Amino acid sequence: MQAIETTYFGPTNTRGSRVVAKCQAGKVSVSWDYALSVEENHDAAAKALASKLEWLGTWLRGARADDKGNVYVRMSRARNAEECRTPPPAVCDPLDYITVLPKTESTTAANK
C-alpha cells in the first residue's frame, strides 16, 4: 500500500496555483479551484490521483509532518461502488476522509 501526499504550489510567471498529489506509482497536478476550501483542493488532488491509479475505497486524511500539505492512507479497498463504505463516526471525524468511487458511464460521458 502506498500513501498519497499533497503539496500546494503557488503561482509563477507561467503557471497558476496548483496542488500536486504524488506517490511512488505516479503524480498529478490539479489547478487551484478558488470556489473550494484549502482542504477541498487537497482532497480533489488526492482523489484525482487515486482515480487515475484506480485505487478505489475510503482514504483517511492527515497533516504532513512538515505542515506543507496532507497525507492520505487508504482505509478500505473496493472493487465497485457497492463496496465503498464510509467509516463509522467512532473511527474518524466525517471531515477527515474521502471516498474514491469508480467512474460510471454517465460520469465518463459527461466529462467528454
Protein backbone atom coordinates (compact mmCIF):
# COMPACT_ATOMS: atom_id res chain seq x y z
CA MET A 1 0.00 0.00 0.00
CA GLN A 2 1.19 3.49 -0.81
CA ALA A 3 0.25 6.78 0.81
CA ILE A 4 -0.65 9.85 -1.25
CA GLU A 5 0.96 13.18 -0.33
CA THR A 6 -0.37 16.55 -1.49
CA THR A 7 1.57 19.80 -1.72
CA TYR A 8 0.44 23.33 -2.61
CA PHE A 9 2.47 25.28 -5.18
CA GLY A 10 1.84 28.99 -5.54
CA PRO A 11 1.56 30.81 -8.86
CA THR A 12 4.57 31.50 -11.06
CA ASN A 13 5.02 33.63 -14.18
CA THR A 14 3.86 30.70 -16.33
CA ARG A 15 1.51 28.60 -14.15
CA GLY A 16 -1.31 29.31 -11.74
CA SER A 17 -1.63 27.97 -8.21
CA ARG A 18 -1.97 24.19 -8.03
CA VAL A 19 -1.92 21.18 -5.75
CA VAL A 20 0.30 18.23 -6.65
CA ALA A 21 -0.64 14.76 -5.39
CA LYS A 22 2.10 12.15 -5.57
CA CYS A 23 3.06 8.65 -4.52
CA GLN A 24 5.59 6.09 -5.75
CA ALA A 25 3.22 4.99 -8.54
CA GLY A 26 2.79 8.47 -10.05
CA LYS A 27 1.60 12.03 -9.61
CA VAL A 28 -0.98 14.54 -10.83
CA SER A 29 -1.21 18.31 -10.74
CA VAL A 30 -4.63 19.91 -10.18
CA SER A 31 -5.28 23.62 -10.74
CA TRP A 32 -6.39 25.54 -7.65
CA ASP A 33 -10.16 25.98 -7.53
CA TYR A 34 -10.91 29.24 -5.70
CA ALA A 35 -14.51 28.11 -5.08
CA LEU A 36 -13.17 25.33 -2.80
CA SER A 37 -11.54 25.46 0.63
CA VAL A 38 -7.89 24.56 1.18
CA GLU A 39 -8.81 21.05 2.37
CA GLU A 40 -11.21 20.54 -0.53
CA ASN A 41 -8.46 21.46 -3.04
CA HIS A 42 -6.07 18.95 -1.46
CA ASP A 43 -8.86 16.34 -1.38
CA ALA A 44 -9.56 16.94 -5.08
CA ALA A 45 -5.91 16.34 -5.97
CA ALA A 46 -5.75 13.15 -3.89
CA LYS A 47 -8.99 11.90 -5.46
CA ALA A 48 -7.66 12.67 -8.95
CA LEU A 49 -4.53 10.58 -8.35
CA ALA A 50 -6.41 7.71 -6.69
CA SER A 51 -8.91 7.66 -9.56
CA LYS A 52 -6.13 7.75 -12.17
CA LEU A 53 -4.48 4.74 -10.50
CA GLU A 54 -7.89 3.06 -9.93
CA TRP A 55 -7.29 2.89 -6.18
CA LEU A 56 -10.90 2.83 -5.05
CA GLY A 57 -12.07 2.94 -1.45
CA THR A 58 -12.03 5.15 1.62
CA TRP A 59 -8.96 7.30 2.32
CA LEU A 60 -8.15 8.90 5.68
CA ARG A 61 -6.59 12.37 5.66
CA GLY A 62 -3.91 13.72 7.99
CA ALA A 63 -1.48 16.62 8.04
CA ARG A 64 2.06 16.13 6.81
CA ALA A 65 4.80 16.45 9.42
CA ASP A 66 6.29 19.46 7.61
CA ASP A 67 2.85 21.18 7.50
CA LYS A 68 3.11 21.71 3.73
CA GLY A 69 0.13 19.60 2.73
CA ASN A 70 -1.75 16.42 3.56
CA VAL A 71 -1.16 12.71 3.51
CA TYR A 72 -3.86 10.19 2.60
CA VAL A 73 -3.84 6.50 3.56
CA ARG A 74 -6.36 4.01 2.22
CA MET A 75 -8.52 2.58 4.97
CA SER A 76 -10.55 0.16 2.84
CA ARG A 77 -10.32 -1.18 -0.67
CA ALA A 78 -13.23 -1.52 -3.04
CA ARG A 79 -13.74 -3.06 -6.45
CA ASN A 80 -17.01 -1.23 -7.11
CA ALA A 81 -19.29 1.47 -5.67
CA GLU A 82 -21.27 -1.02 -3.57
CA GLU A 83 -18.12 -2.00 -1.67
CA CYS A 84 -17.21 1.61 -0.80
CA ARG A 85 -18.24 2.21 2.79
CA THR A 86 -17.86 5.24 4.98
CA PRO A 87 -16.20 4.70 8.35
CA PRO A 88 -18.40 4.96 11.45
CA PRO A 89 -18.17 8.26 13.39
CA ALA A 90 -16.39 6.46 16.26
CA VAL A 91 -13.49 5.68 13.92
CA CYS A 92 -12.85 9.14 12.50
CA ASP A 93 -14.32 12.58 12.06
CA PRO A 94 -16.54 12.65 8.93
CA LEU A 95 -14.49 15.60 7.66
CA ASP A 96 -11.21 13.66 7.73
CA TYR A 97 -11.75 11.16 4.93
CA ILE A 98 -12.54 10.98 1.22
CA THR A 99 -14.17 8.20 -0.78
CA VAL A 100 -12.96 7.40 -4.29
CA LEU A 101 -15.65 5.70 -6.38
CA PRO A 102 -15.31 4.13 -9.82
CA LYS A 103 -16.26 6.27 -12.77
CA THR A 104 -19.70 5.45 -14.10
CA GLU A 105 -20.63 5.52 -17.76
CA SER A 106 -22.75 8.63 -17.22
CA THR A 107 -19.84 10.41 -15.46
CA THR A 108 -17.44 9.41 -18.21
CA ALA A 109 -19.83 10.62 -20.93
CA ALA A 110 -20.36 13.96 -19.12
CA ASN A 111 -16.59 14.56 -18.94
CA LYS A 112 -16.04 14.13 -22.69
